[in-house]
Amino acid sequence: MLTLNGYGPQIFAGTITTVELSVLSLLVSFFIGLAGASAKLSKGRVVSTIATIYTTIVRGVPDLVLMLLIFYSLQIWLNSFTDYLGNVQSYVDIEQINLDPFASGVITLGFIYGAYFTETFRGAFLAVPRGQLEAARSFGMRPIQVFRRILFPQMMRFALPGLANNWQVILKATALVSLIGLTDVVKASQNAGEGTFRTFYFMSLAGLVYLALTTISNGVLFVLERKFAVGVRKAVL
């Protein structure tokens, strides 16, 4: 029989925190990925070079190292910036900025996995036939209309497999945020294990929670894949 020794509310709250952290990080990564892919495909050499450096560095450094670097340096950079503004505008009282572990986790995970989303979206952009975009422009569509009606729906169909994989990785990577003080499902399970001397039991429970979340995610992604594949005929071998 499953017994939680009174730690059920903490584990449930940690699970909710994990889901919130994952979803918000996904949104940040999504928009960074769109911007990064547009930059890499841009004709401007400076913009494309910056985007290339960003994706190369982030994908080449371990996530844990980046998380610790960004978490500790971001706080210092923000406070240095507020000190600079206070010196420039001495008549303005600017308070120090203190980031909590949740906000730091969202920013850090969004920044890290935005690089992976950049490459996913770049490949998806290139997979959309150029002729359709040119035809839309010839009919007088504005750039935003071309993106919303032609490019984005087809791009998402090509990007969904990569997005699904990235989402799974983000969901599991939230466990790293427990190292910077966030009480997610891993941290709550660790505290329960230490308090009851049943660490293996509660960490196994945390693993089951992640397995349940990824299983539910697979169902949602399957529905999205069918939605964006409407009107597309699969090849019969």
Protein backbone atom coordinates (compact mmCIF):
# COMPACT_ATOMS: atom_id res chain seq x y z
CA MET A 1 0.00 0.00 0.00
CA LEU A 2 1.28 3.46 -0.92
CA THR A 3 2.09 5.43 2.25
CA LEU A 4 3.52 8.95 2.23
CA ASN A 5 4.06 9.40 5.98
CA GLY A 6 2.40 12.82 5.94
CA TYR A 7 4.53 14.13 3.06
CA GLY A 8 1.74 13.83 0.50
CA PRO A 9 0.85 17.58 0.44
CA GLN A 10 4.51 18.56 0.00
CA ILE A 11 5.01 16.10 -2.86
CA PHE A 12 1.78 17.22 -4.53
CA ALA A 13 2.83 20.88 -4.21
CA GLY A 14 6.24 19.96 -5.62
CA THR A 15 4.57 18.25 -8.57
CA ILE A 16 2.49 21.36 -9.31
CA THR A 17 5.65 23.48 -9.10
CA THR A 18 7.40 21.12 -11.54
CA VAL A 19 4.52 21.39 -14.04
CA GLU A 20 4.39 25.19 -13.75
CA LEU A 21 8.14 25.46 -14.15
CA SER A 22 8.09 23.17 -17.20
CA VAL A 23 5.25 25.00 -18.96
CA LEU A 24 6.67 28.48 -18.39
CA SER A 25 10.14 27.33 -19.45
CA LEU A 26 8.59 25.83 -22.58
CA LEU A 27 6.94 29.16 -23.44
CA VAL A 28 10.19 31.08 -22.94
CA SER A 29 12.10 28.52 -25.01
CA PHE A 30 9.44 28.61 -27.72
CA PHE A 31 9.69 32.36 -28.28
CA ILE A 32 13.47 32.40 -27.97
CA GLY A 33 13.56 29.57 -30.51
CA LEU A 34 11.38 31.47 -32.97
CA ALA A 35 13.54 34.57 -32.61
CA GLY A 36 16.75 32.57 -32.82
CA ALA A 37 15.65 30.66 -35.92
CA SER A 38 14.63 33.90 -37.63
CA ALA A 39 18.00 35.39 -36.72
CA LYS A 40 19.97 32.41 -38.04
CA LEU A 41 18.05 32.56 -41.34
CA SER A 42 18.40 36.34 -41.53
CA LYS A 43 20.47 37.91 -44.30
CA GLY A 44 22.12 40.15 -41.72
CA ARG A 45 25.53 38.71 -40.94
CA VAL A 46 25.79 40.23 -37.46
CA VAL A 47 22.40 38.91 -36.33
CA SER A 48 22.97 35.42 -37.75
CA THR A 49 26.46 35.27 -36.23
CA ILE A 50 25.16 36.16 -32.76
CA ALA A 51 22.46 33.50 -33.03
CA THR A 52 25.01 30.92 -34.19
CA ILE A 53 27.34 31.71 -31.28
CA TYR A 54 24.43 31.44 -28.85
CA THR A 55 23.32 27.99 -30.08
CA THR A 56 26.90 26.70 -30.32
CA ILE A 57 27.85 27.69 -26.78
CA VAL A 58 24.62 26.54 -25.13
CA ARG A 59 24.54 23.17 -26.89
CA GLY A 60 28.22 22.58 -26.17
CA VAL A 61 28.16 23.22 -22.40
CA PRO A 62 26.42 20.86 -19.91
CA ASP A 63 23.03 22.04 -18.68
CA LEU A 64 24.06 21.90 -15.02
CA VAL A 65 27.09 24.12 -15.61
CA LEU A 66 25.00 26.65 -17.53
CA MET A 67 22.29 26.60 -14.88
CA LEU A 68 24.73 27.39 -12.06
CA LEU A 69 26.50 30.04 -14.13
CA ILE A 70 23.30 31.80 -15.15
CA PHE A 71 21.69 31.50 -11.72
CA TYR A 72 24.58 33.07 -9.83
CA SER A 73 25.72 35.55 -12.50
CA LEU A 74 22.25 36.81 -13.44
CA GLN A 75 21.64 38.07 -9.92
CA ILE A 76 24.99 39.88 -9.93
CA TRP A 77 24.38 41.41 -13.38
CA LEU A 78 20.94 42.68 -12.44
CA ASN A 79 22.16 44.27 -9.23
CA SER A 80 25.15 45.80 -11.01
CA PHE A 81 22.76 47.28 -13.56
CA THR A 82 20.52 48.75 -10.86
CA ASP A 83 23.61 50.21 -9.14
CA TYR A 84 24.65 51.77 -12.45
CA LEU A 85 21.21 53.32 -12.93
CA GLY A 86 21.30 54.61 -9.38
CA ASN A 87 24.66 56.28 -10.02
CA VAL A 88 23.53 57.80 -13.31
CA GLN A 89 20.21 59.01 -11.92
CA SER A 90 21.13 59.79 -8.35
CA TYR A 91 17.73 61.28 -7.61
CA VAL A 92 16.00 57.96 -8.30
CA ASP A 93 15.92 55.33 -5.57
CA ILE A 94 16.32 51.95 -7.29
CA GLU A 95 15.95 48.86 -5.17
CA GLN A 96 18.05 45.74 -5.57
CA ILE A 97 16.48 42.93 -7.58
CA ASN A 98 16.23 39.56 -5.87
CA LEU A 99 15.29 36.63 -8.08
CA ASP A 100 13.63 33.69 -6.36
CA PRO A 101 14.58 30.13 -7.41
CA PHE A 102 11.38 29.72 -9.46
CA ALA A 103 11.96 32.81 -11.62
CA SER A 104 15.63 31.93 -11.97
CA GLY A 105 14.70 28.40 -13.02
CA VAL A 106 12.28 29.62 -15.70
CA ILE A 107 14.80 32.09 -17.11
CA THR A 108 17.65 29.59 -17.02
CA LEU A 109 15.78 26.67 -18.59
CA GLY A 110 14.19 28.98 -21.16
CA PHE A 111 17.57 30.35 -22.16
CA ILE A 112 19.21 26.93 -22.35
CA TYR A 113 16.53 25.13 -24.31
CA GLY A 114 15.82 28.14 -26.48
CA ALA A 115 18.98 27.11 -28.32
CA TYR A 116 17.57 23.67 -29.05
CA PHE A 117 14.25 25.17 -30.13
CA THR A 118 16.19 27.49 -32.42
CA GLU A 119 17.61 24.58 -34.36
CA THR A 120 14.26 22.79 -34.41
CA PHE A 121 12.47 25.83 -35.82
CA ARG A 122 15.26 26.57 -38.28
CA GLY A 123 14.88 23.13 -39.83
CA ALA A 124 11.09 23.50 -39.85
CA PHE A 125 11.29 26.89 -41.57
CA LEU A 126 13.51 25.44 -44.28
CA ALA A 127 11.13 22.51 -44.81
CA VAL A 128 8.24 24.77 -45.86
CA PRO A 129 8.22 25.15 -49.67
CA ARG A 130 9.46 28.62 -50.64
CA GLY A 131 7.04 28.73 -53.55
CA GLN A 132 4.05 28.89 -51.20
CA LEU A 133 5.51 31.88 -49.38
CA GLU A 134 6.24 33.65 -52.65
CA ALA A 135 2.72 32.94 -53.89
CA ALA A 136 1.26 34.40 -50.69
CA ARG A 137 3.32 37.56 -51.11
CA SER A 138 2.26 37.84 -54.75
CA PHE A 139 -1.37 37.87 -53.60
CA GLY A 140 -0.60 40.91 -51.49
CA MET A 141 -0.37 39.28 -48.05
CA ARG A 142 1.58 41.22 -45.46
CA PRO A 143 4.53 39.47 -43.76
CA ILE A 144 2.55 38.85 -40.58
CA GLN A 145 -0.27 37.28 -42.62
CA VAL A 146 2.18 35.07 -44.49
CA PHE A 147 3.63 33.89 -41.18
CA ARG A 148 0.26 33.29 -39.50
CA ARG A 149 -1.61 31.68 -42.40
CA ILE A 150 1.08 29.93 -44.44
CA LEU A 151 4.39 29.55 -42.67
CA PHE A 152 3.45 28.86 -39.03
CA PRO A 153 0.87 26.05 -39.55
CA GLN A 154 3.15 24.11 -41.90
CA MET A 155 6.27 24.86 -39.88
CA MET A 156 4.63 23.45 -36.75
CA ARG A 157 3.86 20.19 -38.55
CA PHE A 158 7.56 19.73 -39.31
CA ALA A 159 8.68 21.01 -35.90
CA LEU A 160 6.37 18.95 -33.68
CA PRO A 161 8.57 15.82 -33.42
CA GLY A 162 11.52 17.96 -32.33
CA LEU A 163 9.35 20.06 -30.03
CA ALA A 164 7.98 16.92 -28.41
CA ASN A 165 11.48 15.68 -27.70
CA ASN A 166 12.57 19.09 -26.35
CA TRP A 167 9.53 19.25 -24.09
CA GLN A 168 10.33 15.86 -22.62
CA VAL A 169 13.89 16.99 -21.95
CA ILE A 170 12.72 20.25 -20.34
CA LEU A 171 10.30 18.35 -18.12
CA LYS A 172 13.07 16.09 -16.85
CA ALA A 173 15.59 18.93 -16.62
CA THR A 174 13.44 20.69 -14.03
CA ALA A 175 14.99 18.27 -11.54
CA LEU A 176 18.22 20.27 -11.83
CA VAL A 177 16.48 23.37 -10.45
CA SER A 178 16.23 21.67 -7.06
CA LEU A 179 19.97 22.33 -6.77
CA ILE A 180 19.34 26.09 -6.58
CA GLY A 181 16.76 25.80 -3.82
CA LEU A 182 13.43 25.28 -5.60
CA THR A 183 11.10 22.83 -3.84
CA ASP A 184 9.98 20.80 -6.82
CA VAL A 185 8.88 17.18 -6.78
CA VAL A 186 12.50 15.97 -6.56
CA LYS A 187 13.34 18.25 -3.64
CA ALA A 188 10.10 17.37 -1.84
CA SER A 189 10.76 13.66 -2.34
CA GLN A 190 14.34 14.07 -1.15
CA ASN A 191 13.15 15.84 2.00
CA ALA A 192 10.59 13.09 2.60
CA GLY A 193 13.23 10.42 2.13
CA GLU A 194 15.61 12.08 4.56
CA GLY A 195 12.84 12.57 7.13
CA THR A 196 11.66 8.98 7.02
CA PHE A 197 14.92 7.20 6.09
CA ARG A 198 13.12 5.86 2.99
CA THR A 199 15.06 7.73 0.32
CA PHE A 200 14.84 4.99 -2.31
CA TYR A 201 11.08 4.73 -1.83
CA PHE A 202 10.37 8.43 -2.23
CA MET A 203 12.83 8.96 -5.08
CA SER A 204 11.16 6.04 -6.88
CA LEU A 205 7.87 7.85 -6.32
CA ALA A 206 9.36 10.98 -7.89
CA GLY A 207 10.38 8.88 -10.88
CA LEU A 208 6.82 7.61 -11.22
CA VAL A 209 5.53 11.19 -11.13
CA TYR A 210 7.83 12.14 -14.00
CA LEU A 211 6.78 9.02 -15.90
CA ALA A 212 3.11 9.96 -15.47
CA LEU A 213 3.76 13.52 -16.64
CA THR A 214 5.65 12.38 -19.74
CA THR A 215 2.91 9.86 -20.56
CA ILE A 216 0.23 12.55 -20.36
CA SER A 217 2.45 14.82 -22.46
CA ASN A 218 2.73 12.14 -25.14
CA GLY A 219 -1.07 12.05 -25.39
CA VAL A 220 -1.31 15.83 -25.74
CA LEU A 221 1.44 15.90 -28.36
CA PHE A 222 -0.29 13.13 -30.30
CA VAL A 223 -3.45 15.25 -30.46
CA LEU A 224 -1.44 18.29 -31.61
CA GLU A 225 0.31 16.22 -34.27
CA ARG A 226 -3.03 15.10 -35.68
CA LYS A 227 -4.33 18.67 -35.59
CA PHE A 228 -1.44 20.11 -37.61
CA ALA A 229 -1.47 17.12 -39.99
CA VAL A 230 -5.05 17.78 -41.15
CA GLY A 231 -5.18 17.66 -44.94
CA VAL A 232 -1.82 15.95 -45.26
CA ARG A 233 -1.86 12.59 -46.96
CA LYS A 234 0.60 10.02 -45.64
CA ALA A 235 2.61 8.03 -48.13
CA VAL A 236 1.61 4.38 -48.47
CA LEU A 237 4.55 2.01 -48.74
